[in-house]
Amino acid sequence: MQDKPNPIRSETTETEPIQPTRRQRTSRWFARRRRTIAFHFVRGVAYGAGAGGVGLVLWWIENH
């Protein structure tokens, strides 16, 4: 009588999963956080524009 192959120890299940490369991990990380990064970038630009506008108005008031 022949032994049946053990399904737990077959060649297809023994292979290790392929680890993603550093570029793939970075791309996935960036894709997950793209909206948050864009939001904070726009928020920073808005704060900068507001601060610059206030500074310009104050400078104009002082010089006129």
Protein backbone atom coordinates (compact mmCIF):
# COMPACT_ATOMS: atom_id res chain seq x y z
CA MET A 1 0.00 0.00 0.00
CA GLN A 2 1.36 3.40 -0.97
CA ASP A 3 1.49 6.33 1.43
CA LYS A 4 -0.76 9.21 0.59
CA PRO A 5 0.97 12.59 0.39
CA ASN A 6 0.48 14.67 3.48
CA PRO A 7 -1.55 17.75 2.45
CA ILE A 8 0.00 19.77 5.28
CA ARG A 9 3.55 19.09 4.05
CA SER A 10 3.05 19.33 0.30
CA GLU A 11 5.42 21.40 -1.81
CA THR A 12 2.81 24.02 -2.59
CA THR A 13 2.17 24.85 1.06
CA GLU A 14 5.81 24.80 2.15
CA THR A 15 6.84 27.74 0.00
CA GLU A 16 7.16 30.95 1.94
CA PRO A 17 5.16 33.99 0.86
CA ILE A 18 7.11 36.45 -1.23
CA GLN A 19 8.12 39.50 0.80
CA PRO A 20 7.33 42.83 -0.87
CA THR A 21 10.29 44.94 -1.89
CA ARG A 22 11.11 48.19 -0.14
CA ARG A 23 9.69 50.12 -3.10
CA GLN A 24 6.40 48.20 -2.94
CA ARG A 25 6.13 48.79 0.82
CA THR A 26 6.85 52.50 0.34
CA SER A 27 4.32 52.76 -2.49
CA ARG A 28 1.64 51.06 -0.43
CA TRP A 29 2.41 53.25 2.60
CA PHE A 30 2.17 56.38 0.46
CA ALA A 31 -1.06 55.20 -1.21
CA ARG A 32 -2.69 54.60 2.18
CA ARG A 33 -1.70 58.05 3.44
CA ARG A 34 -2.03 60.13 0.27
CA ARG A 35 -5.23 61.88 1.36
CA THR A 36 -3.81 62.74 4.79
CA ILE A 37 -0.58 64.06 3.28
CA ALA A 38 -2.50 66.20 0.78
CA PHE A 39 -4.80 67.53 3.51
CA HIS A 40 -1.90 68.60 5.71
CA PHE A 41 -0.07 70.14 2.77
CA VAL A 42 -3.11 72.24 1.79
CA ARG A 43 -3.66 73.17 5.42
CA GLY A 44 -0.07 74.36 5.73
CA VAL A 45 -0.36 76.40 2.54
CA ALA A 46 -3.55 78.00 3.86
CA TYR A 47 -1.92 78.89 7.18
CA GLY A 48 1.07 80.33 5.34
CA ALA A 49 -1.09 82.38 3.01
CA GLY A 50 -3.15 83.65 5.93
CA ALA A 51 -0.10 84.62 7.94
CA GLY A 52 1.44 86.30 4.90
CA GLY A 53 -1.78 88.20 4.20
CA VAL A 54 -2.03 89.43 7.78
CA GLY A 55 1.60 90.48 7.71
CA LEU A 56 1.10 92.34 4.45
CA VAL A 57 -1.98 94.15 5.79
CA LEU A 58 -0.14 95.16 8.96
CA TRP A 59 2.85 96.37 6.95
CA TRP A 60 0.52 98.39 4.69
CA ILE A 61 -1.24 99.95 7.72
CA GLU A 62 2.08 100.94 9.32
CA ASN A 63 3.37 102.55 6.14
CA HIS A 64 0.25 104.55 5.25
